[in-house]
Structures are given as C-alpha cells and as structure tokens.
Amino acid sequence: MDETNDVGAAQRRIVDHLKRSGSCTTAAIAETLGVTTQAVRPPLAELEDLGLVTSELLSTGTRGRPPIGWSLSALAIGLFPDRHSDLTIELIRAVRAAVGDDGLLDVLVERDRVQHEIISSAFPPDADVATRAEVLAGHRRDQGYMAEVVADGEDLLLIEHHCPVCAAATECQGLCRNELDLFQRVIGEGAEVERTEHLLSGDERCIYRIRVSPVRN
C-alpha cells in the first residue's frame, strides 16, 4: 500500500506548508497554520511515522534546548503532482516531429549503445550467460523494472514484473523493439533471447526466455 495516500487534512496542511517554506520549527508551523503547537505535534508525529517528514535539532547559538526543525523527506515527493510520463511523451512526439521516425530511431539506437556500455562494464571477466543475465537483471532493477532471473529447465527467464516507462513505450513502440535487441547483445552469442510475454500486448509482465546455445566441440 502507498503510505502517501494515508495523509489526512491536518497532515496535508503541514506538508504543503513545508513544501513552500522548507525546514520549519513546530512553533513556526503552528503560527502559520493558526493553531497551537499542541495541535501540530500529533499530525507531525504521524507524518514522521509514515516517513514523510524528518526532524533535526537546530543550532541557535544560544543556551537551552535547541528547537526541532521539520523537513519533507524524499518519500513525500509522491504527495505532489508528477508529470514525468507526460513530459516523456511530449519529448518523443517533439523529436518525431523535428527529425522524423528515422531520426527518432537514431536517438533510440544511441540510447541503447550507452545502456550496453554501462551494463557490459559491470561484467566480471569471462562472464557466462547466467552471470550476464543476472547483471542485466540487476541493472533493470535499478531502473525500476522489478526484474529477476529464474531457471526454467535448461533455459533462463528474465522476468520484469513492472514497467516504469509504460506510457513512453506505448507512445513509441521502438523502445520495446530496441530493448529486445539490447538484451540479445548484452547476453551475447552464447544464447538466444526471445520475448515470450509482453505487458503492452496484454500480458501481466514482460518475460524474456534465454536459450543457452549448446557448446560446440
């Protein structure tokens, strides 16, 4: 469950204030919202329990117990509008309009070249197919794909349980086509990579079957 959805009206007022003002003391928050510090403390504690705010003691240069400063955590960004998917789609359409489909393909090819270099640089010496698949899955997990490698008989399955760029992939089918080519180049000549399930085709996830080629004497 997304805990950012559990924010009530009192917590929301505090979050919005911290977003506008930055770090604030309990007293400053109460003054701005027109309530007492006693009224502010419970919703602040609830926000802290949810991981949406952080607290630290502020240095005042005077004697006495320093006040507590409250700030939004990185998790709190989920409470505010996020249009990165819309922006990505707008950029794809703008590139297509400016340079055409061939130009857009060139952009995707360059992106995949960079991705291939990044993934390949993480391979240990003499990495076999299984190791390459695990490194690829780790890279994809870092990108938010919830990827894992599981054995299926003599084959390996690269399973991606989530697609963080689904909106972009829907707008630009070349992303998925190039992705399959990228995986094949990453895994190398010792295996064949085939997409057997595809989120954009109505499946629940994307699955890539990696068939290891028999060793030839």
N, C-alpha and C. Protein backbone atom coordinates (compact mmCIF):
# COMPACT_ATOMS: atom_id res chain seq x y z
N MET A 1 0.84 -1.20 0.00
CA MET A 1 0.00 0.00 0.00
C MET A 1 0.87 1.24 0.00
N ASP A 2 0.48 2.25 -0.73
CA ASP A 2 1.23 3.50 -0.78
C ASP A 2 0.86 4.33 0.43
N GLU A 3 1.82 4.49 1.37
CA GLU A 3 1.53 5.21 2.59
C GLU A 3 1.28 6.69 2.35
N THR A 4 1.70 7.22 1.22
CA THR A 4 1.45 8.63 0.95
C THR A 4 -0.03 8.90 0.75
N ASN A 5 -0.83 7.85 0.55
CA ASN A 5 -2.28 8.03 0.39
C ASN A 5 -2.99 8.11 1.73
N ASP A 6 -2.25 7.88 2.86
CA ASP A 6 -2.87 7.86 4.17
C ASP A 6 -2.83 9.22 4.86
N VAL A 7 -2.53 10.26 4.14
CA VAL A 7 -2.39 11.59 4.73
C VAL A 7 -3.75 12.26 4.86
N GLY A 8 -4.05 12.69 6.09
CA GLY A 8 -5.31 13.39 6.33
C GLY A 8 -5.19 14.88 6.10
N ALA A 9 -6.28 15.60 6.40
CA ALA A 9 -6.33 17.03 6.13
C ALA A 9 -5.29 17.81 6.93
N ALA A 10 -5.15 17.47 8.21
CA ALA A 10 -4.19 18.20 9.06
C ALA A 10 -2.75 17.96 8.59
N GLN A 11 -2.46 16.69 8.27
CA GLN A 11 -1.12 16.38 7.77
C GLN A 11 -0.85 17.06 6.44
N ARG A 12 -1.88 17.11 5.60
CA ARG A 12 -1.71 17.72 4.28
C ARG A 12 -1.38 19.20 4.39
N ARG A 13 -2.00 19.89 5.32
CA ARG A 13 -1.71 21.32 5.51
C ARG A 13 -0.25 21.51 5.92
N ILE A 14 0.24 20.63 6.78
CA ILE A 14 1.64 20.72 7.21
C ILE A 14 2.58 20.43 6.05
N VAL A 15 2.27 19.37 5.30
CA VAL A 15 3.12 19.01 4.16
C VAL A 15 3.19 20.15 3.15
N ASP A 16 2.04 20.74 2.82
CA ASP A 16 2.02 21.83 1.86
C ASP A 16 2.83 23.03 2.37
N HIS A 17 2.73 23.28 3.66
CA HIS A 17 3.49 24.40 4.23
C HIS A 17 4.99 24.13 4.14
N LEU A 18 5.42 22.92 4.49
CA LEU A 18 6.84 22.60 4.43
C LEU A 18 7.35 22.63 3.00
N LYS A 19 6.49 22.27 2.05
CA LYS A 19 6.89 22.31 0.65
C LYS A 19 7.19 23.75 0.23
N ARG A 20 6.40 24.69 0.72
CA ARG A 20 6.56 26.09 0.33
C ARG A 20 7.71 26.76 1.09
N SER A 21 7.86 26.42 2.37
CA SER A 21 8.78 27.19 3.21
C SER A 21 10.10 26.50 3.49
N GLY A 22 10.17 25.19 3.30
CA GLY A 22 11.37 24.47 3.70
C GLY A 22 11.33 24.12 5.17
N SER A 23 12.48 23.87 5.75
CA SER A 23 12.56 23.44 7.15
C SER A 23 11.93 24.47 8.08
N CYS A 24 11.08 23.99 9.01
CA CYS A 24 10.39 24.86 9.95
C CYS A 24 10.35 24.22 11.32
N THR A 25 10.31 25.04 12.34
CA THR A 25 10.12 24.53 13.69
C THR A 25 8.64 24.25 13.91
N THR A 26 8.35 23.52 14.97
CA THR A 26 6.96 23.22 15.32
C THR A 26 6.20 24.51 15.56
N ALA A 27 6.84 25.45 16.26
CA ALA A 27 6.18 26.72 16.57
C ALA A 27 5.87 27.51 15.30
N ALA A 28 6.82 27.50 14.35
CA ALA A 28 6.61 28.24 13.11
C ALA A 28 5.46 27.63 12.30
N ILE A 29 5.40 26.31 12.27
CA ILE A 29 4.30 25.65 11.56
C ILE A 29 2.98 26.01 12.20
N ALA A 30 2.90 25.94 13.53
CA ALA A 30 1.67 26.25 14.24
C ALA A 30 1.23 27.68 13.98
N GLU A 31 2.19 28.61 14.00
CA GLU A 31 1.86 30.02 13.78
C GLU A 31 1.29 30.23 12.38
N THR A 32 1.92 29.63 11.39
CA THR A 32 1.46 29.80 10.01
C THR A 32 0.07 29.20 9.82
N LEU A 33 -0.19 28.06 10.44
CA LEU A 33 -1.48 27.40 10.26
C LEU A 33 -2.55 27.95 11.20
N GLY A 34 -2.16 28.82 12.14
CA GLY A 34 -3.13 29.42 13.04
C GLY A 34 -3.66 28.47 14.10
N VAL A 35 -2.78 27.55 14.55
CA VAL A 35 -3.19 26.61 15.59
C VAL A 35 -2.11 26.60 16.67
N THR A 36 -2.33 25.83 17.71
CA THR A 36 -1.36 25.74 18.79
C THR A 36 -0.30 24.69 18.45
N THR A 37 0.84 24.79 19.14
CA THR A 37 1.88 23.78 18.93
C THR A 37 1.39 22.40 19.35
N GLN A 38 0.53 22.35 20.38
CA GLN A 38 -0.01 21.07 20.81
C GLN A 38 -0.85 20.43 19.71
N ALA A 39 -1.53 21.25 18.91
CA ALA A 39 -2.36 20.73 17.83
C ALA A 39 -1.51 20.24 16.66
N VAL A 40 -0.31 20.79 16.52
CA VAL A 40 0.56 20.42 15.39
C VAL A 40 1.33 19.13 15.67
N ARG A 41 1.66 18.88 16.92
CA ARG A 41 2.54 17.75 17.24
C ARG A 41 2.00 16.38 16.82
N PRO A 42 0.72 16.05 17.07
CA PRO A 42 0.24 14.72 16.66
C PRO A 42 0.31 14.47 15.15
N PRO A 43 -0.16 15.40 14.30
CA PRO A 43 -0.03 15.13 12.87
C PRO A 43 1.42 15.09 12.40
N LEU A 44 2.31 15.86 13.04
CA LEU A 44 3.73 15.79 12.71
C LEU A 44 4.29 14.41 13.05
N ALA A 45 3.91 13.89 14.20
CA ALA A 45 4.37 12.57 14.60
C ALA A 45 3.87 11.50 13.63
N GLU A 46 2.63 11.64 13.18
CA GLU A 46 2.08 10.68 12.21
C GLU A 46 2.82 10.75 10.89
N LEU A 47 3.14 11.97 10.46
CA LEU A 47 3.91 12.13 9.22
C LEU A 47 5.30 11.52 9.36
N GLU A 48 5.89 11.66 10.54
CA GLU A 48 7.21 11.08 10.77
C GLU A 48 7.13 9.55 10.75
N ASP A 49 6.08 9.00 11.33
CA ASP A 49 5.89 7.55 11.32
C ASP A 49 5.75 7.01 9.89
N LEU A 50 5.13 7.81 9.03
CA LEU A 50 4.95 7.42 7.63
C LEU A 50 6.21 7.63 6.80
N GLY A 51 7.21 8.26 7.42
CA GLY A 51 8.44 8.52 6.68
C GLY A 51 8.36 9.70 5.74
N LEU A 52 7.37 10.58 5.94
CA LEU A 52 7.15 11.69 5.03
C LEU A 52 7.85 12.97 5.48
N VAL A 53 8.22 13.05 6.76
CA VAL A 53 8.98 14.20 7.26
C VAL A 53 10.15 13.68 8.08
N THR A 54 11.17 14.51 8.18
CA THR A 54 12.32 14.20 9.03
C THR A 54 12.53 15.36 10.00
N SER A 55 13.18 15.08 11.11
CA SER A 55 13.41 16.12 12.11
C SER A 55 14.88 16.17 12.49
N GLU A 56 15.32 17.34 12.88
CA GLU A 56 16.68 17.51 13.37
C GLU A 56 16.72 18.68 14.34
N LEU A 57 17.65 18.62 15.27
CA LEU A 57 17.81 19.71 16.22
C LEU A 57 18.53 20.86 15.54
N LEU A 58 18.00 22.05 15.68
CA LEU A 58 18.57 23.23 15.05
C LEU A 58 19.51 23.96 16.01
N SER A 59 20.65 24.35 15.47
CA SER A 59 21.61 25.10 16.27
C SER A 59 21.23 26.58 16.27
N THR A 60 21.06 27.13 17.47
CA THR A 60 20.67 28.54 17.58
C THR A 60 21.79 29.42 18.11
N GLY A 61 22.85 28.80 18.62
CA GLY A 61 23.95 29.58 19.18
C GLY A 61 23.67 30.11 20.56
N THR A 62 22.55 29.72 21.14
CA THR A 62 22.20 30.16 22.48
C THR A 62 22.05 28.95 23.38
N ARG A 63 22.04 29.21 24.68
CA ARG A 63 21.87 28.12 25.63
C ARG A 63 20.43 27.63 25.63
N GLY A 64 20.26 26.45 26.18
CA GLY A 64 18.93 25.88 26.24
C GLY A 64 18.73 24.80 25.20
N ARG A 65 17.63 24.12 25.32
CA ARG A 65 17.34 23.02 24.41
C ARG A 65 17.04 23.58 23.01
N PRO A 66 17.79 23.13 21.98
CA PRO A 66 17.55 23.66 20.64
C PRO A 66 16.20 23.20 20.09
N PRO A 67 15.59 24.01 19.26
CA PRO A 67 14.29 23.62 18.68
C PRO A 67 14.46 22.54 17.62
N ILE A 68 13.37 21.87 17.34
CA ILE A 68 13.37 20.83 16.32
C ILE A 68 12.94 21.44 14.99
N GLY A 69 13.70 21.16 13.94
CA GLY A 69 13.32 21.60 12.60
C GLY A 69 12.74 20.44 11.81
N TRP A 70 11.66 20.69 11.12
CA TRP A 70 10.97 19.66 10.34
C TRP A 70 11.14 19.93 8.85
N SER A 71 11.41 18.86 8.10
CA SER A 71 11.57 18.97 6.65
C SER A 71 10.88 17.78 5.98
N LEU A 72 10.51 17.96 4.72
CA LEU A 72 9.94 16.85 3.96
C LEU A 72 11.03 15.86 3.58
N SER A 73 10.69 14.58 3.59
CA SER A 73 11.62 13.54 3.15
C SER A 73 11.48 13.33 1.64
N ALA A 74 12.37 12.52 1.09
CA ALA A 74 12.29 12.22 -0.34
C ALA A 74 11.00 11.50 -0.68
N LEU A 75 10.49 10.70 0.26
CA LEU A 75 9.26 9.96 0.03
C LEU A 75 8.06 10.87 -0.19
N ALA A 76 8.11 12.07 0.38
CA ALA A 76 6.98 12.99 0.31
C ALA A 76 6.74 13.52 -1.10
N ILE A 77 7.71 13.33 -2.00
CA ILE A 77 7.51 13.81 -3.37
C ILE A 77 6.30 13.14 -4.01
N GLY A 78 5.95 11.93 -3.52
CA GLY A 78 4.79 11.23 -4.04
C GLY A 78 3.47 11.90 -3.73
N LEU A 79 3.49 12.90 -2.83
CA LEU A 79 2.28 13.62 -2.48
C LEU A 79 1.97 14.75 -3.45
N PHE A 80 2.88 15.01 -4.36
CA PHE A 80 2.72 16.15 -5.26
C PHE A 80 2.64 15.67 -6.71
N PRO A 81 2.01 16.46 -7.57
CA PRO A 81 1.84 16.03 -8.98
C PRO A 81 3.16 15.70 -9.64
N ASP A 82 3.14 14.64 -10.45
CA ASP A 82 4.33 14.20 -11.17
C ASP A 82 3.95 13.96 -12.63
N ARG A 83 4.49 14.78 -13.53
CA ARG A 83 4.13 14.69 -14.94
C ARG A 83 5.28 14.16 -15.79
N HIS A 84 6.17 13.36 -15.18
CA HIS A 84 7.32 12.91 -15.96
C HIS A 84 6.88 12.05 -17.14
N SER A 85 5.80 11.27 -16.97
CA SER A 85 5.32 10.46 -18.10
C SER A 85 4.80 11.35 -19.22
N ASP A 86 4.05 12.40 -18.84
CA ASP A 86 3.54 13.33 -19.84
C ASP A 86 4.69 14.02 -20.57
N LEU A 87 5.71 14.42 -19.80
CA LEU A 87 6.85 15.10 -20.41
C LEU A 87 7.58 14.17 -21.37
N THR A 88 7.75 12.91 -20.98
CA THR A 88 8.43 11.95 -21.85
C THR A 88 7.69 11.79 -23.17
N ILE A 89 6.38 11.67 -23.09
CA ILE A 89 5.58 11.53 -24.31
C ILE A 89 5.69 12.78 -25.17
N GLU A 90 5.65 13.94 -24.53
CA GLU A 90 5.78 15.19 -25.28
C GLU A 90 7.13 15.26 -25.99
N LEU A 91 8.19 14.82 -25.30
CA LEU A 91 9.52 14.85 -25.91
C LEU A 91 9.61 13.87 -27.08
N ILE A 92 9.03 12.68 -26.93
CA ILE A 92 9.03 11.71 -28.03
C ILE A 92 8.32 12.29 -29.24
N ARG A 93 7.18 12.90 -29.03
CA ARG A 93 6.43 13.49 -30.14
C ARG A 93 7.19 14.66 -30.77
N ALA A 94 7.88 15.43 -29.92
CA ALA A 94 8.63 16.57 -30.44
C ALA A 94 9.81 16.10 -31.29
N VAL A 95 10.51 15.06 -30.82
CA VAL A 95 11.63 14.51 -31.59
C VAL A 95 11.14 13.95 -32.92
N ARG A 96 10.03 13.22 -32.87
CA ARG A 96 9.47 12.65 -34.11
C ARG A 96 9.07 13.76 -35.09
N ALA A 97 8.48 14.82 -34.56
CA ALA A 97 8.07 15.92 -35.43
C ALA A 97 9.27 16.65 -36.01
N ALA A 98 10.35 16.75 -35.24
CA ALA A 98 11.51 17.52 -35.69
C ALA A 98 12.39 16.74 -36.66
N VAL A 99 12.59 15.44 -36.41
CA VAL A 99 13.55 14.69 -37.22
C VAL A 99 12.95 13.45 -37.88
N GLY A 100 11.66 13.21 -37.67
CA GLY A 100 11.01 12.07 -38.31
C GLY A 100 11.28 10.76 -37.57
N ASP A 101 10.64 9.71 -38.05
CA ASP A 101 10.78 8.41 -37.40
C ASP A 101 12.21 7.88 -37.48
N ASP A 102 12.89 8.14 -38.60
CA ASP A 102 14.28 7.68 -38.72
C ASP A 102 15.18 8.37 -37.71
N GLY A 103 14.94 9.67 -37.52
CA GLY A 103 15.73 10.40 -36.54
C GLY A 103 15.46 9.92 -35.13
N LEU A 104 14.19 9.62 -34.84
CA LEU A 104 13.84 9.09 -33.52
C LEU A 104 14.52 7.74 -33.31
N LEU A 105 14.57 6.92 -34.35
CA LEU A 105 15.25 5.63 -34.25
C LEU A 105 16.73 5.82 -33.94
N ASP A 106 17.35 6.82 -34.56
CA ASP A 106 18.76 7.10 -34.29
C ASP A 106 18.97 7.45 -32.81
N VAL A 107 18.02 8.20 -32.24
CA VAL A 107 18.11 8.56 -30.82
C VAL A 107 18.03 7.31 -29.95
N LEU A 108 17.11 6.41 -30.30
CA LEU A 108 16.95 5.18 -29.53
C LEU A 108 18.19 4.29 -29.64
N VAL A 109 18.76 4.24 -30.82
CA VAL A 109 19.97 3.43 -31.03
C VAL A 109 21.12 3.97 -30.17
N GLU A 110 21.25 5.28 -30.12
CA GLU A 110 22.31 5.88 -29.30
C GLU A 110 22.06 5.60 -27.82
N ARG A 111 20.81 5.69 -27.41
CA ARG A 111 20.48 5.38 -26.01
C ARG A 111 20.87 3.94 -25.68
N ASP A 112 20.53 3.02 -26.57
CA ASP A 112 20.85 1.61 -26.32
C ASP A 112 22.37 1.37 -26.31
N ARG A 113 23.09 2.12 -27.14
CA ARG A 113 24.55 1.98 -27.15
C ARG A 113 25.11 2.33 -25.78
N VAL A 114 24.62 3.41 -25.21
CA VAL A 114 25.08 3.83 -23.89
C VAL A 114 24.69 2.80 -22.84
N GLN A 115 23.45 2.30 -22.92
CA GLN A 115 23.00 1.29 -21.96
C GLN A 115 23.87 0.03 -22.05
N HIS A 116 24.21 -0.36 -23.27
CA HIS A 116 25.04 -1.54 -23.46
C HIS A 116 26.41 -1.36 -22.83
N GLU A 117 26.98 -0.20 -22.98
CA GLU A 117 28.29 0.08 -22.38
C GLU A 117 28.21 0.02 -20.85
N ILE A 118 27.16 0.59 -20.28
CA ILE A 118 27.02 0.61 -18.83
C ILE A 118 26.89 -0.81 -18.28
N ILE A 119 26.02 -1.60 -18.92
CA ILE A 119 25.79 -2.97 -18.43
C ILE A 119 27.04 -3.82 -18.62
N SER A 120 27.65 -3.73 -19.79
CA SER A 120 28.82 -4.55 -20.09
C SER A 120 29.99 -4.24 -19.16
N SER A 121 30.09 -2.99 -18.74
CA SER A 121 31.21 -2.61 -17.86
C SER A 121 31.10 -3.27 -16.49
N ALA A 122 29.91 -3.79 -16.16
CA ALA A 122 29.71 -4.44 -14.86
C ALA A 122 29.98 -5.94 -14.92
N PHE A 123 30.28 -6.49 -16.11
CA PHE A 123 30.54 -7.92 -16.23
C PHE A 123 31.90 -8.28 -15.62
N PRO A 124 31.95 -9.35 -14.84
CA PRO A 124 33.26 -9.84 -14.41
C PRO A 124 33.98 -10.48 -15.59
N PRO A 125 35.28 -10.70 -15.50
CA PRO A 125 35.99 -11.34 -16.61
C PRO A 125 35.40 -12.71 -16.95
N ASP A 126 35.33 -13.00 -18.23
CA ASP A 126 34.84 -14.29 -18.71
C ASP A 126 33.44 -14.62 -18.18
N ALA A 127 32.58 -13.62 -18.10
CA ALA A 127 31.21 -13.84 -17.61
C ALA A 127 30.45 -14.78 -18.53
N ASP A 128 29.80 -15.80 -17.95
CA ASP A 128 29.00 -16.70 -18.75
C ASP A 128 27.60 -16.13 -18.93
N VAL A 129 26.74 -16.87 -19.62
CA VAL A 129 25.40 -16.37 -19.93
C VAL A 129 24.61 -16.10 -18.66
N ALA A 130 24.67 -17.01 -17.69
CA ALA A 130 23.92 -16.84 -16.45
C ALA A 130 24.36 -15.58 -15.70
N THR A 131 25.66 -15.34 -15.67
CA THR A 131 26.17 -14.15 -15.00
C THR A 131 25.74 -12.89 -15.72
N ARG A 132 25.80 -12.92 -17.03
CA ARG A 132 25.37 -11.76 -17.82
C ARG A 132 23.89 -11.46 -17.58
N ALA A 133 23.10 -12.52 -17.50
CA ALA A 133 21.67 -12.33 -17.26
C ALA A 133 21.42 -11.72 -15.89
N GLU A 134 22.16 -12.16 -14.88
CA GLU A 134 22.00 -11.61 -13.54
C GLU A 134 22.42 -10.14 -13.49
N VAL A 135 23.51 -9.81 -14.16
CA VAL A 135 23.95 -8.40 -14.19
C VAL A 135 22.91 -7.54 -14.90
N LEU A 136 22.37 -8.06 -15.99
CA LEU A 136 21.33 -7.33 -16.73
C LEU A 136 20.11 -7.13 -15.84
N ALA A 137 19.70 -8.17 -15.12
CA ALA A 137 18.54 -8.05 -14.24
C ALA A 137 18.79 -7.02 -13.14
N GLY A 138 20.01 -7.00 -12.60
CA GLY A 138 20.34 -6.02 -11.58
C GLY A 138 20.25 -4.59 -12.10
N HIS A 139 20.74 -4.39 -13.32
CA HIS A 139 20.66 -3.07 -13.94
C HIS A 139 19.20 -2.66 -14.13
N ARG A 140 18.38 -3.61 -14.57
CA ARG A 140 16.96 -3.30 -14.78
C ARG A 140 16.24 -3.03 -13.46
N ARG A 141 16.62 -3.75 -12.41
CA ARG A 141 16.02 -3.47 -11.10
C ARG A 141 16.33 -2.05 -10.66
N ASP A 142 17.57 -1.62 -10.90
CA ASP A 142 17.96 -0.26 -10.54
C ASP A 142 17.11 0.77 -11.29
N GLN A 143 16.62 0.39 -12.45
CA GLN A 143 15.79 1.29 -13.26
C GLN A 143 14.30 1.17 -12.93
N GLY A 144 13.96 0.29 -11.99
CA GLY A 144 12.58 0.19 -11.54
C GLY A 144 11.75 -0.89 -12.20
N TYR A 145 12.40 -1.85 -12.88
CA TYR A 145 11.64 -2.87 -13.61
C TYR A 145 11.28 -4.09 -12.76
N MET A 146 11.71 -4.17 -11.50
CA MET A 146 11.43 -5.32 -10.64
C MET A 146 11.81 -6.61 -11.37
N ALA A 147 13.03 -6.66 -11.85
CA ALA A 147 13.48 -7.78 -12.69
C ALA A 147 14.13 -8.86 -11.85
N GLU A 148 13.98 -10.10 -12.33
CA GLU A 148 14.63 -11.24 -11.71
C GLU A 148 14.92 -12.28 -12.77
N VAL A 149 15.87 -13.16 -12.48
CA VAL A 149 16.20 -14.27 -13.37
C VAL A 149 15.85 -15.57 -12.67
N VAL A 150 15.08 -16.43 -13.34
CA VAL A 150 14.73 -17.72 -12.77
C VAL A 150 15.07 -18.80 -13.80
N ALA A 151 15.42 -19.98 -13.31
CA ALA A 151 15.72 -21.10 -14.19
C ALA A 151 14.42 -21.76 -14.64
N ASP A 152 14.40 -22.19 -15.89
CA ASP A 152 13.27 -22.93 -16.44
C ASP A 152 13.83 -24.06 -17.30
N GLY A 153 14.08 -25.20 -16.66
CA GLY A 153 14.76 -26.27 -17.36
C GLY A 153 16.18 -25.85 -17.68
N GLU A 154 16.55 -25.98 -18.94
CA GLU A 154 17.89 -25.57 -19.37
C GLU A 154 17.93 -24.10 -19.75
N ASP A 155 16.77 -23.45 -19.77
CA ASP A 155 16.69 -22.04 -20.14
C ASP A 155 16.69 -21.15 -18.90
N LEU A 156 16.88 -19.86 -19.13
CA LEU A 156 16.72 -18.84 -18.10
C LEU A 156 15.58 -17.92 -18.51
N LEU A 157 14.85 -17.45 -17.53
CA LEU A 157 13.79 -16.48 -17.79
C LEU A 157 14.15 -15.16 -17.10
N LEU A 158 14.23 -14.10 -17.89
CA LEU A 158 14.36 -12.76 -17.33
C LEU A 158 12.94 -12.20 -17.22
N ILE A 159 12.47 -12.02 -16.00
CA ILE A 159 11.10 -11.58 -15.76
C ILE A 159 11.10 -10.17 -15.22
N GLU A 160 10.34 -9.29 -15.86
CA GLU A 160 10.18 -7.91 -15.41
C GLU A 160 8.74 -7.73 -14.96
N HIS A 161 8.55 -7.59 -13.64
CA HIS A 161 7.21 -7.54 -13.07
C HIS A 161 6.58 -6.14 -13.17
N HIS A 162 7.36 -5.17 -13.55
CA HIS A 162 6.84 -3.80 -13.63
C HIS A 162 7.54 -3.06 -14.76
N CYS A 163 6.82 -2.16 -15.41
CA CYS A 163 7.42 -1.32 -16.46
C CYS A 163 7.28 0.14 -16.05
N PRO A 164 8.36 0.79 -15.62
CA PRO A 164 8.27 2.18 -15.19
C PRO A 164 8.15 3.17 -16.34
N VAL A 165 8.29 2.69 -17.59
CA VAL A 165 8.20 3.59 -18.75
C VAL A 165 7.07 3.14 -19.68
N CYS A 166 6.02 2.59 -19.08
CA CYS A 166 4.93 2.03 -19.89
C CYS A 166 4.30 3.07 -20.81
N ALA A 167 4.10 4.27 -20.30
CA ALA A 167 3.48 5.33 -21.11
C ALA A 167 4.34 5.66 -22.32
N ALA A 168 5.66 5.77 -22.10
CA ALA A 168 6.57 6.08 -23.19
C ALA A 168 6.63 4.94 -24.19
N ALA A 169 6.64 3.69 -23.68
CA ALA A 169 6.71 2.54 -24.57
C ALA A 169 5.44 2.41 -25.41
N THR A 170 4.31 2.80 -24.85
CA THR A 170 3.06 2.79 -25.60
C THR A 170 3.10 3.80 -26.74
N GLU A 171 3.67 4.96 -26.47
CA GLU A 171 3.77 6.02 -27.47
C GLU A 171 4.80 5.67 -28.53
N CYS A 172 5.88 5.02 -28.12
CA CYS A 172 6.99 4.74 -29.04
C CYS A 172 7.31 3.25 -28.97
N GLN A 173 6.75 2.48 -29.89
CA GLN A 173 6.95 1.04 -29.89
C GLN A 173 8.42 0.65 -30.12
N GLY A 174 9.18 1.57 -30.69
CA GLY A 174 10.59 1.29 -30.93
C GLY A 174 11.37 1.04 -29.65
N LEU A 175 10.88 1.56 -28.52
CA LEU A 175 11.56 1.33 -27.25
C LEU A 175 11.61 -0.17 -26.93
N CYS A 176 10.49 -0.85 -27.14
CA CYS A 176 10.44 -2.29 -26.84
C CYS A 176 11.21 -3.10 -27.88
N ARG A 177 11.13 -2.70 -29.15
CA ARG A 177 11.86 -3.43 -30.18
C ARG A 177 13.36 -3.32 -29.93
N ASN A 178 13.82 -2.13 -29.65
CA ASN A 178 15.24 -1.93 -29.40
C ASN A 178 15.69 -2.62 -28.12
N GLU A 179 14.78 -2.69 -27.15
CA GLU A 179 15.10 -3.33 -25.88
C GLU A 179 15.46 -4.79 -26.09
N LEU A 180 14.70 -5.48 -26.92
CA LEU A 180 14.97 -6.89 -27.20
C LEU A 180 16.34 -7.04 -27.87
N ASP A 181 16.65 -6.15 -28.80
CA ASP A 181 17.96 -6.19 -29.45
C ASP A 181 19.07 -5.92 -28.44
N LEU A 182 18.83 -4.99 -27.53
CA LEU A 182 19.82 -4.67 -26.50
C LEU A 182 20.09 -5.89 -25.63
N PHE A 183 19.04 -6.57 -25.21
CA PHE A 183 19.21 -7.74 -24.35
C PHE A 183 20.02 -8.82 -25.07
N GLN A 184 19.74 -8.99 -26.38
CA GLN A 184 20.48 -10.01 -27.12
C GLN A 184 21.96 -9.67 -27.17
N ARG A 185 22.29 -8.41 -27.40
CA ARG A 185 23.69 -8.02 -27.45
C ARG A 185 24.36 -8.14 -26.09
N VAL A 186 23.61 -7.84 -25.03
CA VAL A 186 24.16 -7.95 -23.68
C VAL A 186 24.44 -9.42 -23.34
N ILE A 187 23.51 -10.31 -23.62
CA ILE A 187 23.68 -11.72 -23.31
C ILE A 187 24.77 -12.34 -24.17
N GLY A 188 24.88 -11.89 -25.41
CA GLY A 188 25.96 -12.35 -26.27
C GLY A 188 25.58 -13.50 -27.18
N GLU A 189 26.57 -13.98 -27.90
CA GLU A 189 26.33 -15.01 -28.91
C GLU A 189 26.08 -16.39 -28.32
N GLY A 190 26.31 -16.55 -27.02
CA GLY A 190 26.12 -17.87 -26.41
C GLY A 190 24.70 -18.23 -26.11
N ALA A 191 23.74 -17.38 -26.47
CA ALA A 191 22.35 -17.67 -26.17
C ALA A 191 21.44 -16.87 -27.10
N GLU A 192 20.19 -17.31 -27.16
CA GLU A 192 19.17 -16.61 -27.94
C GLU A 192 18.14 -16.04 -26.98
N VAL A 193 17.78 -14.79 -27.17
CA VAL A 193 16.81 -14.11 -26.30
C VAL A 193 15.51 -13.91 -27.07
N GLU A 194 14.41 -14.36 -26.47
CA GLU A 194 13.10 -14.24 -27.09
C GLU A 194 12.10 -13.68 -26.07
N ARG A 195 11.34 -12.68 -26.48
CA ARG A 195 10.29 -12.16 -25.59
C ARG A 195 9.06 -13.05 -25.74
N THR A 196 8.64 -13.67 -24.64
CA THR A 196 7.51 -14.59 -24.68
C THR A 196 6.23 -14.00 -24.09
N GLU A 197 6.36 -12.99 -23.24
CA GLU A 197 5.20 -12.26 -22.72
C GLU A 197 5.54 -10.78 -22.74
N HIS A 198 4.51 -9.97 -23.03
CA HIS A 198 4.74 -8.55 -23.24
C HIS A 198 3.61 -7.76 -22.59
N LEU A 199 3.97 -6.88 -21.70
CA LEU A 199 2.98 -6.08 -20.98
C LEU A 199 2.09 -5.30 -21.94
N LEU A 200 2.67 -4.74 -22.98
CA LEU A 200 1.89 -3.92 -23.92
C LEU A 200 1.01 -4.76 -24.82
N SER A 201 1.19 -6.08 -24.79
CA SER A 201 0.33 -6.97 -25.57
C SER A 201 -0.79 -7.55 -24.72
N GLY A 202 -0.91 -7.05 -23.50
CA GLY A 202 -1.98 -7.50 -22.63
C GLY A 202 -1.55 -8.49 -21.56
N ASP A 203 -0.29 -8.87 -21.55
CA ASP A 203 0.20 -9.78 -20.52
C ASP A 203 0.44 -9.02 -19.22
N GLU A 204 0.58 -9.76 -18.12
CA GLU A 204 0.75 -9.13 -16.82
C GLU A 204 2.17 -8.64 -16.58
N ARG A 205 3.12 -9.13 -17.36
CA ARG A 205 4.52 -8.76 -17.19
C ARG A 205 5.26 -9.03 -18.48
N CYS A 206 6.50 -8.62 -18.53
CA CYS A 206 7.35 -8.95 -19.67
C CYS A 206 8.29 -10.08 -19.27
N ILE A 207 8.35 -11.10 -20.11
CA ILE A 207 9.23 -12.25 -19.84
C ILE A 207 10.08 -12.50 -21.08
N TYR A 208 11.38 -12.69 -20.85
CA TYR A 208 12.33 -12.96 -21.91
C TYR A 208 12.95 -14.33 -21.65
N ARG A 209 12.80 -15.23 -22.61
CA ARG A 209 13.40 -16.56 -22.49
C ARG A 209 14.80 -16.53 -23.08
N ILE A 210 15.75 -16.99 -22.30
CA ILE A 210 17.15 -17.02 -22.72
C ILE A 210 17.54 -18.47 -22.92
N ARG A 211 17.69 -18.86 -24.17
CA ARG A 211 18.06 -20.24 -24.50
C ARG A 211 19.56 -20.31 -24.73
N VAL A 212 20.20 -21.05 -23.87
CA VAL A 212 21.66 -21.17 -23.97
C VAL A 212 22.00 -22.09 -25.11
N SER A 213 22.88 -21.65 -26.00
CA SER A 213 23.30 -22.45 -27.14
C SER A 213 24.20 -23.59 -26.69
N PRO A 214 24.04 -24.79 -27.26
CA PRO A 214 24.91 -25.89 -26.88
C PRO A 214 26.35 -25.60 -27.28
N VAL A 215 27.26 -26.07 -26.46
CA VAL A 215 28.68 -25.86 -26.74
C VAL A 215 29.12 -26.78 -27.86
N ARG A 216 29.75 -26.21 -28.86
CA ARG A 216 30.23 -26.99 -30.00
C ARG A 216 31.70 -27.34 -29.84
N ASN A 217 32.01 -28.59 -30.04
CA ASN A 217 33.40 -29.04 -29.93
C ASN A 217 34.17 -28.76 -31.22
